[in-house]
Amino acid sequence: MMQANGDDPQRARRGLRQIQASIHSRSLLARKRVSKISKNDVKGFFIRNVFVIFTVAAVIFGIILGFALRPSKMSYRDVKFFSFPGELLMRMLQMLVLPLLVSSLITGMAALDSSASGKMGMRAVIYYTSTTVIAVFVGIVMVLVIHPGKGSKDEFTTLQKIDSVSPADAFLDLIRNMFPPNLVEACTKQFKTQYVKRVIQINVTFNESVFLLNGSQVMTREEMIPVPGAVNGVNALGLVVFSMCFGLIIGKMGEEGQPLRDLFDCLNEAIMRLVAIIMWYAPIGILFLIAGKIVEMDDISSMGGQLGMYTITVICGLLIHAIVVLPTLYFVVTRKNPFIFILGLLQALVTALGTSSSSATLPITFKCLEENNKIDKRVTRFVLPVGATINMDGTALYEALAAIFIAQVNNFDLNFGQILTIRDRLRTVTNVLGDSIGAGIVEHLSRHELAQDPEEAHLAAAEEVDKKPYRLICQENLNERPIIDSETKM
């Protein structure tokens, strides 16, 4: 018994020595790796990540510059002049969104067969639905736990009247926008039902006699009737539906549709080269966008208790969804490190933070996914345009949280748009991150269909031939030659 007790300290010492040896070996390995780092390695790292470094630096300097200029109390006109370089960036990116959306979807759908595109589309829809439901659930849980609507409703002095919209009309508008009658008009306008007031005259009769009502035999009644209308903005949903159908048809046409495939492939490549040029200007535009928004922002200290708690609730919900939910979902499906994947998206996420627009960030997102994370172009061209149109995790979380919050303050209609501009930017970052992780997940789940594509299989076989040594190729050719009998030869 005493011998056993005496062995315990020895085992503990041996275990401690093993741990120390392991730590020492790892430290030596780390020192060797650091010692092997040369100036060329450091230079190569900065060259490979120059866009990300410049973009992150632009965000930091933009925040510093914005808060430094706040005490100057710049006028609205001065703020607009100051933000002009950022406005140019927004215009450049938005200029490329429409041709990029159409060309990428058409080429992506044309490169897939109908079965592969159907499976990929089903997986994308399941992902969009799942993440949206999770985002709504996170928003509801956050607002019920924190309960930001407690307090006095006297805090809210800015009220905004919101026109009531029939759910049936909203649903029908969604269907109408999927099938635009004019593709040119769809590039600039969306269909939206509007309401006009109509006065109806009613004759009030009883026992075949007309009542006299205030000296009149006619009673009037007002009602709101729906009429066709339009609002400015790209009808992205209609263009997405048309481009997907058009791409599938081109893909099934075979050689007859090859000229159109080449046309849209060339258009897509030209747009991506324009994006590469604009990326050099992006840090400057982001710097002035963020600095201008901070200068223009209302005084945070004047925010009431409820609105302050509401802002904190929204930010916490978005961070939980972006940092916990989406990376966990990516890891569970792909078994890969999600934060390495997110690191490759850093420039797109920072651009989303600066521009506050998912569609404007779309060109940068394409480039980050295809070049940094090596996502198949057939996946990005299908998933990203559709995701930028219908997949809005951050917006879903925000709206679910806002609805309950408004109910908590006795159904007051609040104008949150002028309270804090950074809230909308975090929603945009979450939207872009959700679309990008969706592309990674869909590619992982569709890897077998993508590998079985005839065109890709042919290219892969050609690459394998190129990799073989010349001796093996010659040997294979010799083995395939027919054996000629000497008697037959004679």
Protein backbone atom coordinates (compact mmCIF):
# COMPACT_ATOMS: atom_id res chain seq x y z
CA MET A 1 0.00 0.00 0.00
CA MET A 2 2.83 2.34 0.89
CA GLN A 3 4.63 1.33 -2.29
CA ALA A 4 1.59 2.32 -4.32
CA ASN A 5 1.42 5.62 -2.50
CA GLY A 6 5.11 6.14 -3.23
CA ASP A 7 4.53 5.53 -6.95
CA ASP A 8 1.96 8.32 -7.21
CA PRO A 9 4.45 11.20 -6.73
CA GLN A 10 6.82 9.56 -9.21
CA ARG A 11 4.03 9.30 -11.80
CA ALA A 12 3.12 12.90 -11.17
CA ARG A 13 6.76 13.95 -11.64
CA ARG A 14 7.05 11.91 -14.83
CA GLY A 15 3.85 13.45 -16.16
CA LEU A 16 5.11 16.92 -15.30
CA ARG A 17 8.43 16.23 -17.05
CA GLN A 18 6.57 15.00 -20.14
CA ILE A 19 4.47 18.14 -20.21
CA GLN A 20 7.57 20.31 -19.80
CA ALA A 21 9.33 18.42 -22.57
CA SER A 22 6.33 18.84 -24.85
CA ILE A 23 6.16 22.58 -24.16
CA HIS A 24 9.90 22.88 -24.70
CA SER A 25 9.76 21.02 -28.03
CA ARG A 26 6.89 23.17 -29.23
CA SER A 27 8.69 26.35 -28.22
CA LEU A 28 11.81 25.16 -30.11
CA LEU A 29 9.66 24.41 -33.15
CA ALA A 30 8.07 27.86 -32.94
CA ARG A 31 11.53 29.47 -32.65
CA LYS A 32 12.72 27.59 -35.70
CA ARG A 33 9.72 28.75 -37.68
CA VAL A 34 10.25 32.34 -36.59
CA SER A 35 13.97 32.13 -37.35
CA LYS A 36 13.20 30.86 -40.85
CA ILE A 37 11.02 33.88 -41.60
CA SER A 38 12.92 36.15 -43.95
CA LYS A 39 12.33 39.64 -45.24
CA ASN A 40 10.99 38.17 -48.45
CA ASP A 41 8.40 36.17 -46.49
CA VAL A 42 7.24 39.30 -44.67
CA LYS A 43 7.20 41.23 -47.92
CA GLY A 44 5.21 38.47 -49.61
CA PHE A 45 2.69 38.43 -46.78
CA PHE A 46 2.08 42.17 -47.08
CA ILE A 47 1.82 41.94 -50.86
CA ARG A 48 -0.74 39.12 -50.65
CA ASN A 49 -2.83 40.98 -48.08
CA VAL A 50 -2.26 44.55 -49.20
CA PHE A 51 -5.96 45.20 -49.92
CA VAL A 52 -7.06 43.88 -46.54
CA ILE A 53 -4.40 45.88 -44.68
CA PHE A 54 -5.31 49.10 -46.49
CA THR A 55 -9.04 48.54 -45.94
CA VAL A 56 -8.71 47.83 -42.21
CA ALA A 57 -6.39 50.85 -41.84
CA ALA A 58 -8.98 52.98 -43.67
CA VAL A 59 -11.67 51.94 -41.17
CA ILE A 60 -9.44 52.79 -38.20
CA PHE A 61 -8.37 56.17 -39.58
CA GLY A 62 -11.94 56.92 -40.65
CA ILE A 63 -13.23 56.37 -37.09
CA ILE A 64 -10.44 58.50 -35.63
CA LEU A 65 -10.99 61.27 -38.18
CA GLY A 66 -14.76 61.21 -37.73
CA PHE A 67 -14.64 61.62 -33.96
CA ALA A 68 -11.89 64.27 -34.29
CA LEU A 69 -14.15 66.36 -36.56
CA ARG A 70 -17.33 66.01 -34.49
CA PRO A 71 -16.55 69.00 -32.22
CA SER A 72 -16.31 71.26 -35.28
CA LYS A 73 -20.12 71.01 -35.81
CA MET A 74 -19.90 70.83 -39.59
CA SER A 75 -22.97 71.90 -41.56
CA TYR A 76 -24.95 69.43 -43.63
CA ARG A 77 -23.47 70.81 -46.88
CA ASP A 78 -19.92 70.56 -45.49
CA VAL A 79 -20.52 66.95 -44.46
CA LYS A 80 -21.72 66.11 -47.96
CA PHE A 81 -18.63 67.73 -49.49
CA PHE A 82 -16.42 65.86 -47.02
CA SER A 83 -18.13 62.50 -47.82
CA PHE A 84 -17.87 62.98 -51.60
CA PRO A 85 -14.96 60.49 -52.09
CA GLY A 86 -17.04 57.88 -50.29
CA GLU A 87 -20.05 58.66 -52.48
CA LEU A 88 -17.88 58.01 -55.54
CA LEU A 89 -17.00 54.55 -54.21
CA MET A 90 -20.68 53.72 -53.69
CA ARG A 91 -21.47 54.82 -57.23
CA MET A 92 -18.64 52.75 -58.69
CA LEU A 93 -19.69 49.60 -56.88
CA GLN A 94 -23.40 50.07 -57.62
CA MET A 95 -22.51 50.64 -61.28
CA LEU A 96 -21.08 47.11 -61.44
CA VAL A 97 -23.80 45.32 -59.47
CA LEU A 98 -26.33 45.00 -62.30
CA PRO A 99 -24.04 43.59 -65.04
CA LEU A 100 -22.24 41.43 -62.48
CA LEU A 101 -25.48 39.97 -61.13
CA VAL A 102 -26.84 39.12 -64.58
CA SER A 103 -23.61 37.81 -66.11
CA SER A 104 -22.60 35.75 -63.08
CA LEU A 105 -25.98 34.06 -62.76
CA ILE A 106 -26.25 33.27 -66.47
CA THR A 107 -22.74 31.84 -66.70
CA GLY A 108 -23.13 29.95 -63.43
CA MET A 109 -26.42 28.32 -64.41
CA ALA A 110 -25.19 27.57 -67.96
CA ALA A 111 -22.17 25.72 -66.55
CA LEU A 112 -24.36 23.36 -64.50
CA ASP A 113 -26.63 20.62 -65.69
CA SER A 114 -30.25 20.68 -64.58
CA SER A 115 -29.83 18.02 -61.87
CA ALA A 116 -26.77 19.70 -60.32
CA SER A 117 -28.39 23.13 -60.38
CA GLY A 118 -31.57 21.73 -58.86
CA LYS A 119 -29.72 20.08 -55.97
CA MET A 120 -27.58 23.15 -55.42
CA GLY A 121 -30.63 25.39 -55.45
CA MET A 122 -32.43 23.18 -52.96
CA ARG A 123 -29.43 23.23 -50.61
CA ALA A 124 -29.15 27.00 -50.93
CA VAL A 125 -32.85 27.48 -50.17
CA ILE A 126 -32.61 25.18 -47.13
CA TYR A 127 -29.59 27.14 -45.89
CA TYR A 128 -31.31 30.51 -46.43
CA THR A 129 -34.45 29.34 -44.67
CA SER A 130 -32.56 27.80 -41.75
CA THR A 131 -30.31 30.78 -41.08
CA THR A 132 -33.21 33.21 -41.38
CA VAL A 133 -35.27 31.21 -38.87
CA ILE A 134 -32.27 31.03 -36.53
CA ALA A 135 -31.70 34.78 -36.89
CA VAL A 136 -35.33 35.52 -36.04
CA PHE A 137 -35.13 33.17 -33.05
CA VAL A 138 -31.94 34.87 -31.79
CA GLY A 139 -33.59 38.27 -32.12
CA ILE A 140 -36.69 37.17 -30.23
CA VAL A 141 -34.64 35.57 -27.44
CA MET A 142 -32.46 38.67 -27.06
CA VAL A 143 -35.37 41.08 -26.85
CA LEU A 144 -37.24 38.85 -24.38
CA VAL A 145 -34.17 38.37 -22.16
CA ILE A 146 -32.91 41.97 -22.15
CA HIS A 147 -36.41 43.48 -22.46
CA PRO A 148 -35.29 46.88 -23.78
CA GLY A 149 -38.87 48.19 -24.01
CA LYS A 150 -39.22 48.66 -20.28
CA GLY A 151 -39.43 52.24 -19.17
CA SER A 152 -41.38 55.38 -19.86
CA LYS A 153 -42.74 55.98 -23.30
CA ASP A 154 -42.18 59.71 -22.78
CA GLU A 155 -38.60 59.18 -24.00
CA PHE A 156 -39.76 58.97 -27.58
CA THR A 157 -40.36 62.33 -29.12
CA THR A 158 -39.69 61.47 -32.77
CA LEU A 159 -42.62 59.62 -34.22
CA GLN A 160 -43.12 58.46 -37.75
CA LYS A 161 -46.39 57.33 -39.25
CA ILE A 162 -46.08 54.10 -41.19
CA ASP A 163 -48.64 53.38 -43.87
CA SER A 164 -50.45 50.10 -43.33
CA VAL A 165 -49.82 47.56 -46.09
CA SER A 166 -52.04 44.57 -46.75
CA PRO A 167 -50.12 41.28 -46.34
CA ALA A 168 -51.92 39.91 -49.42
CA ASP A 169 -50.80 42.89 -51.53
CA ALA A 170 -47.23 42.55 -50.25
CA PHE A 171 -47.15 38.87 -51.20
CA LEU A 172 -48.63 39.55 -54.63
CA ASP A 173 -46.06 42.32 -55.18
CA LEU A 174 -43.33 39.77 -54.49
CA ILE A 175 -44.75 37.45 -57.16
CA ARG A 176 -45.19 40.33 -59.61
CA ASN A 177 -41.59 41.45 -59.19
CA MET A 178 -40.39 37.92 -60.01
CA PHE A 179 -41.77 38.33 -63.54
CA PRO A 180 -41.12 41.90 -64.75
CA PRO A 181 -42.92 42.75 -68.03
CA ASN A 182 -40.06 45.04 -69.09
CA LEU A 183 -36.47 44.00 -68.39
CA VAL A 184 -35.13 47.48 -69.09
CA GLU A 185 -37.56 48.99 -66.59
CA ALA A 186 -36.63 46.26 -64.08
CA CYS A 187 -33.12 47.74 -64.01
CA THR A 188 -34.45 50.94 -62.47
CA LYS A 189 -37.88 50.27 -60.91
CA GLN A 190 -39.77 47.78 -58.75
CA PHE A 191 -43.49 47.14 -58.69
CA LYS A 192 -45.21 48.23 -55.50
CA THR A 193 -48.90 48.47 -54.75
CA GLN A 194 -49.97 51.94 -53.66
CA TYR A 195 -53.19 53.08 -52.04
CA VAL A 196 -55.45 55.96 -52.98
CA LYS A 197 -58.46 57.30 -51.19
CA ARG A 198 -61.85 56.92 -52.90
CA VAL A 199 -65.13 58.46 -51.82
CA ILE A 200 -68.19 56.26 -52.28
CA GLN A 201 -71.70 57.72 -52.31
CA ILE A 202 -74.42 55.63 -50.67
CA ASN A 203 -78.19 56.24 -50.90
CA VAL A 204 -79.81 55.38 -47.59
CA THR A 205 -83.35 54.02 -48.06
CA PHE A 206 -85.93 52.43 -45.76
CA ASN A 207 -89.27 51.06 -46.93
CA GLU A 208 -88.59 52.50 -50.43
CA SER A 209 -88.17 56.01 -49.02
CA VAL A 210 -84.93 57.99 -48.91
CA PHE A 211 -83.61 59.20 -45.58
CA LEU A 212 -82.59 62.81 -45.27
CA LEU A 213 -79.12 62.88 -43.71
CA ASN A 214 -77.95 66.40 -42.77
CA GLY A 215 -80.14 67.83 -45.47
CA SER A 216 -78.91 65.36 -48.07
CA GLN A 217 -80.25 62.07 -49.35
CA VAL A 218 -76.72 60.72 -50.02
CA MET A 219 -74.18 59.41 -47.49
CA THR A 220 -70.47 59.27 -48.40
CA ARG A 221 -67.89 56.75 -47.25
CA GLU A 222 -64.12 56.80 -47.74
CA GLU A 223 -62.04 53.71 -48.47
CA MET A 224 -58.45 52.98 -49.53
CA ILE A 225 -58.14 51.02 -52.77
CA PRO A 226 -54.94 49.42 -54.17
CA VAL A 227 -53.58 50.71 -57.48
CA PRO A 228 -50.48 49.69 -59.46
CA GLY A 229 -47.39 51.71 -58.63
CA ALA A 230 -43.59 51.65 -58.76
CA VAL A 231 -40.64 52.70 -56.64
CA ASN A 232 -37.10 53.52 -57.71
CA GLY A 233 -34.55 50.74 -57.33
CA VAL A 234 -33.27 47.71 -59.19
CA ASN A 235 -35.75 44.85 -59.33
CA ALA A 236 -33.07 42.34 -58.36
CA LEU A 237 -35.56 39.53 -57.78
CA GLY A 238 -36.94 39.75 -61.31
CA LEU A 239 -33.47 39.90 -62.85
CA VAL A 240 -32.38 36.90 -60.76
CA VAL A 241 -35.33 34.79 -61.94
CA PHE A 242 -34.81 35.77 -65.58
CA SER A 243 -31.03 35.19 -65.45
CA MET A 244 -31.41 31.75 -63.84
CA CYS A 245 -33.95 30.61 -66.43
CA PHE A 246 -31.94 32.11 -69.30
CA GLY A 247 -28.74 30.43 -68.08
CA LEU A 248 -30.41 27.03 -67.79
CA ILE A 249 -31.77 27.32 -71.34
CA ILE A 250 -28.34 28.29 -72.70
CA GLY A 251 -26.76 25.35 -70.90
CA LYS A 252 -29.21 22.90 -72.50
CA MET A 253 -28.68 24.35 -76.02
CA GLY A 254 -25.21 22.81 -76.25
CA GLU A 255 -23.09 24.09 -79.11
CA GLU A 256 -25.85 26.40 -80.32
CA GLY A 257 -25.74 28.30 -77.04
CA GLN A 258 -21.93 28.41 -76.81
CA PRO A 259 -21.63 31.92 -78.36
CA LEU A 260 -23.95 33.32 -75.70
CA ARG A 261 -22.04 31.50 -72.97
CA ASP A 262 -18.80 32.98 -74.27
CA LEU A 263 -20.38 36.44 -74.37
CA PHE A 264 -21.51 36.39 -70.74
CA ASP A 265 -18.28 34.71 -69.62
CA CYS A 266 -16.32 37.54 -71.22
CA LEU A 267 -18.65 40.13 -69.67
CA ASN A 268 -18.22 38.57 -66.23
CA GLU A 269 -14.44 38.51 -66.55
CA ALA A 270 -14.37 42.15 -67.67
CA ILE A 271 -16.50 43.19 -64.68
CA MET A 272 -14.20 41.35 -62.28
CA ARG A 273 -11.20 43.15 -63.76
CA LEU A 274 -12.97 46.45 -63.19
CA VAL A 275 -13.55 45.35 -59.60
CA ALA A 276 -9.81 44.71 -59.24
CA ILE A 277 -9.15 48.31 -60.29
CA ILE A 278 -11.80 49.78 -58.00
CA MET A 279 -10.37 47.83 -55.06
CA TRP A 280 -7.35 50.14 -55.10
CA TYR A 281 -9.66 53.10 -54.54
CA ALA A 282 -11.88 51.32 -51.99
CA PRO A 283 -9.80 52.18 -48.87
CA ILE A 284 -10.00 55.91 -49.64
CA GLY A 285 -13.75 55.77 -50.21
CA ILE A 286 -14.35 53.69 -47.06
CA LEU A 287 -12.29 56.13 -44.98
CA PHE A 288 -14.43 59.10 -45.99
CA LEU A 289 -17.68 57.13 -45.81
CA ILE A 290 -17.13 56.11 -42.20
CA ALA A 291 -15.72 59.49 -41.14
CA GLY A 292 -18.64 61.32 -42.77
CA LYS A 293 -21.24 59.08 -41.12
CA ILE A 294 -19.65 59.57 -37.70
CA VAL A 295 -19.63 63.35 -38.17
CA GLU A 296 -23.26 63.27 -39.31
CA MET A 297 -24.38 60.94 -36.48
CA ASP A 298 -26.69 62.29 -33.80
CA ASP A 299 -25.43 62.81 -30.27
CA ILE A 300 -25.24 59.38 -28.66
CA SER A 301 -25.53 60.82 -25.15
CA SER A 302 -28.99 62.19 -25.95
CA MET A 303 -30.32 58.70 -26.55
CA GLY A 304 -32.96 57.64 -24.07
CA GLY A 305 -32.69 54.61 -21.84
CA GLN A 306 -35.00 52.44 -23.94
CA LEU A 307 -33.30 53.34 -27.21
CA GLY A 308 -29.89 52.73 -25.67
CA MET A 309 -30.96 49.30 -24.48
CA TYR A 310 -32.54 48.63 -27.86
CA THR A 311 -29.25 49.45 -29.63
CA ILE A 312 -27.30 47.18 -27.28
CA THR A 313 -29.82 44.36 -27.84
CA VAL A 314 -29.55 44.64 -31.62
CA ILE A 315 -25.75 44.68 -31.57
CA CYS A 316 -25.57 41.69 -29.19
CA GLY A 317 -27.99 39.70 -31.33
CA LEU A 318 -26.06 40.44 -34.53
CA LEU A 319 -22.74 39.54 -32.92
CA ILE A 320 -24.11 36.24 -31.58
CA HIS A 321 -25.45 35.30 -35.01
CA ALA A 322 -22.28 36.36 -36.86
CA ILE A 323 -19.63 35.10 -34.44
CA VAL A 324 -21.32 32.02 -32.93
CA VAL A 325 -24.20 30.72 -35.06
CA LEU A 326 -22.82 31.05 -38.60
CA PRO A 327 -19.28 29.76 -37.83
CA THR A 328 -20.73 26.85 -35.86
CA LEU A 329 -23.02 25.94 -38.75
CA TYR A 330 -20.07 26.07 -41.17
CA PHE A 331 -17.94 23.85 -38.92
CA VAL A 332 -20.72 21.30 -38.34
CA VAL A 333 -21.33 20.88 -42.09
CA THR A 334 -17.79 21.15 -43.52
CA ARG A 335 -15.59 20.16 -40.52
CA LYS A 336 -13.26 23.04 -41.44
CA ASN A 337 -12.04 26.01 -39.42
CA PRO A 338 -14.66 28.74 -39.98
CA PHE A 339 -12.43 31.58 -38.83
CA ILE A 340 -9.84 30.86 -41.52
CA PHE A 341 -12.71 31.06 -44.01
CA ILE A 342 -13.89 34.34 -42.46
CA LEU A 343 -10.33 35.72 -42.55
CA GLY A 344 -10.40 35.39 -46.33
CA LEU A 345 -13.59 37.49 -46.34
CA LEU A 346 -12.16 40.28 -44.21
CA GLN A 347 -12.03 42.85 -46.97
CA ALA A 348 -15.62 42.16 -48.04
CA LEU A 349 -16.82 42.45 -44.43
CA VAL A 350 -14.95 45.71 -43.89
CA THR A 351 -16.34 47.04 -47.17
CA ALA A 352 -19.85 46.10 -46.01
CA LEU A 353 -19.19 47.98 -42.77
CA GLY A 354 -18.14 51.06 -44.72
CA THR A 355 -20.74 51.06 -47.50
CA SER A 356 -23.72 49.71 -45.51
CA SER A 357 -24.97 47.96 -48.66
CA SER A 358 -24.97 44.23 -49.38
CA SER A 359 -25.46 44.73 -53.11
CA ALA A 360 -22.66 47.30 -53.35
CA THR A 361 -20.34 44.87 -51.55
CA LEU A 362 -21.23 42.04 -53.96
CA PRO A 363 -18.29 42.61 -56.37
CA ILE A 364 -15.78 42.54 -53.49
CA THR A 365 -17.44 39.42 -52.05
CA PHE A 366 -17.06 37.61 -55.37
CA LYS A 367 -13.36 38.39 -55.50
CA CYS A 368 -12.69 37.39 -51.89
CA LEU A 369 -14.50 34.05 -52.16
CA GLU A 370 -13.02 33.05 -55.51
CA GLU A 371 -9.43 34.22 -54.99
CA ASN A 372 -8.88 33.95 -51.23
CA ASN A 373 -11.12 31.02 -50.28
CA LYS A 374 -10.93 29.22 -53.65
CA ILE A 375 -14.70 28.66 -53.88
CA ASP A 376 -15.86 27.21 -57.19
CA LYS A 377 -17.04 29.95 -59.54
CA ARG A 378 -20.13 27.97 -60.45
CA VAL A 379 -21.16 28.11 -56.79
CA THR A 380 -20.40 31.78 -56.17
CA ARG A 381 -22.14 32.86 -59.36
CA PHE A 382 -25.28 31.05 -58.26
CA VAL A 383 -25.33 31.51 -54.48
CA LEU A 384 -24.12 35.10 -54.03
CA PRO A 385 -26.55 36.95 -56.36
CA VAL A 386 -29.51 34.98 -55.01
CA GLY A 387 -28.32 35.41 -51.44
CA ALA A 388 -27.84 39.16 -51.84
CA THR A 389 -31.45 39.34 -53.01
CA ILE A 390 -33.35 37.07 -50.61
CA ASN A 391 -31.01 36.05 -47.77
CA MET A 392 -30.97 38.79 -45.12
CA ASP A 393 -30.07 37.24 -41.78
CA GLY A 394 -29.17 40.55 -40.15
CA THR A 395 -32.32 42.23 -41.40
CA ALA A 396 -34.50 39.33 -40.25
CA LEU A 397 -32.97 39.46 -36.77
CA TYR A 398 -33.35 43.23 -36.62
CA GLU A 399 -36.97 43.27 -37.76
CA ALA A 400 -38.03 40.46 -35.41
CA LEU A 401 -36.38 42.26 -32.52
CA ALA A 402 -37.84 45.62 -33.53
CA ALA A 403 -41.38 44.28 -33.78
CA ILE A 404 -41.38 42.97 -30.21
CA PHE A 405 -39.60 46.07 -28.96
CA ILE A 406 -42.29 48.32 -30.43
CA ALA A 407 -44.92 46.13 -28.81
CA GLN A 408 -43.10 46.57 -25.51
CA VAL A 409 -43.47 50.34 -25.76
CA ASN A 410 -47.21 50.20 -26.41
CA ASN A 411 -47.06 49.94 -30.20
CA PHE A 412 -45.42 53.29 -30.77
CA ASP A 413 -44.18 53.73 -34.37
CA LEU A 414 -40.59 54.92 -33.94
CA ASN A 415 -38.19 56.48 -36.43
CA PHE A 416 -34.98 54.59 -35.70
CA GLY A 417 -33.23 55.62 -38.90
CA GLN A 418 -31.70 58.76 -37.45
CA ILE A 419 -30.68 57.32 -34.08
CA LEU A 420 -27.50 55.42 -34.81
CA THR A 421 -26.09 54.71 -38.28
CA ILE A 422 -23.72 51.89 -37.15
CA ARG A 423 -26.63 49.58 -36.38
CA ASP A 424 -27.49 49.29 -40.07
CA ARG A 425 -23.83 48.60 -40.90
CA LEU A 426 -23.66 45.62 -38.56
CA ARG A 427 -26.77 44.23 -40.22
CA THR A 428 -25.04 44.53 -43.61
CA VAL A 429 -21.92 42.78 -42.34
CA THR A 430 -24.06 39.93 -41.01
CA ASN A 431 -25.89 39.66 -44.34
CA VAL A 432 -22.63 39.48 -46.32
CA LEU A 433 -21.13 36.95 -43.90
CA GLY A 434 -24.25 34.78 -44.11
CA ASP A 435 -24.18 34.78 -47.93
CA SER A 436 -20.46 33.94 -48.02
CA ILE A 437 -20.68 31.10 -45.51
CA GLY A 438 -23.66 29.82 -47.47
CA ALA A 439 -21.46 29.65 -50.58
CA GLY A 440 -18.88 27.62 -48.67
CA ILE A 441 -21.48 25.22 -47.28
CA VAL A 442 -23.25 24.74 -50.63
CA GLU A 443 -19.93 24.05 -52.37
CA HIS A 444 -19.03 21.45 -49.75
CA LEU A 445 -22.40 19.71 -50.04
CA SER A 446 -22.34 19.89 -53.88
CA ARG A 447 -18.74 18.75 -54.34
CA HIS A 448 -19.78 15.40 -55.87
CA GLU A 449 -22.12 17.01 -58.43
CA LEU A 450 -19.47 19.59 -59.29
CA ALA A 451 -16.84 16.87 -59.79
CA GLN A 452 -19.17 14.87 -62.04
CA ASP A 453 -19.72 17.75 -64.43
CA PRO A 454 -18.57 16.55 -67.90
CA GLU A 455 -16.68 19.73 -68.74
CA GLU A 456 -14.87 19.82 -65.39
CA ALA A 457 -14.06 16.09 -65.62
CA HIS A 458 -12.50 16.64 -69.04
CA LEU A 459 -10.38 19.51 -67.73
CA ALA A 460 -9.36 17.47 -64.68
CA ALA A 461 -8.29 14.57 -66.90
CA ALA A 462 -6.24 16.95 -69.05
CA GLU A 463 -4.52 18.30 -65.93
CA GLU A 464 -3.71 14.76 -64.76
CA VAL A 465 -2.11 14.00 -68.13
CA ASP A 466 -0.01 17.14 -67.87
CA LYS A 467 1.21 16.06 -64.43
CA LYS A 468 2.32 12.57 -65.56
CA PRO A 469 5.99 12.00 -66.40
CA TYR A 470 6.78 11.63 -70.06
CA ARG A 471 8.04 8.06 -69.50
CA LEU A 472 4.64 6.92 -68.12
CA ILE A 473 2.74 8.48 -71.01
CA CYS A 474 4.97 6.70 -73.51
CA GLN A 475 4.56 3.42 -71.62
CA GLU A 476 0.75 3.79 -71.67
CA ASN A 477 0.84 4.43 -75.41
CA LEU A 478 3.00 1.33 -75.93
CA ASN A 479 0.63 -0.78 -73.87
CA GLU A 480 -2.32 0.35 -75.93
CA ARG A 481 -0.71 -0.61 -79.28
CA PRO A 482 -2.05 -3.79 -80.91
CA ILE A 483 0.30 -6.77 -80.90
CA ILE A 484 1.23 -7.77 -84.48
CA ASP A 485 2.02 -11.42 -85.02
CA SER A 486 5.21 -12.07 -86.95
CA GLU A 487 3.45 -14.56 -89.23
CA THR A 488 0.73 -12.04 -90.05
CA LYS A 489 3.36 -9.41 -90.75
CA MET A 490 5.08 -11.67 -93.22
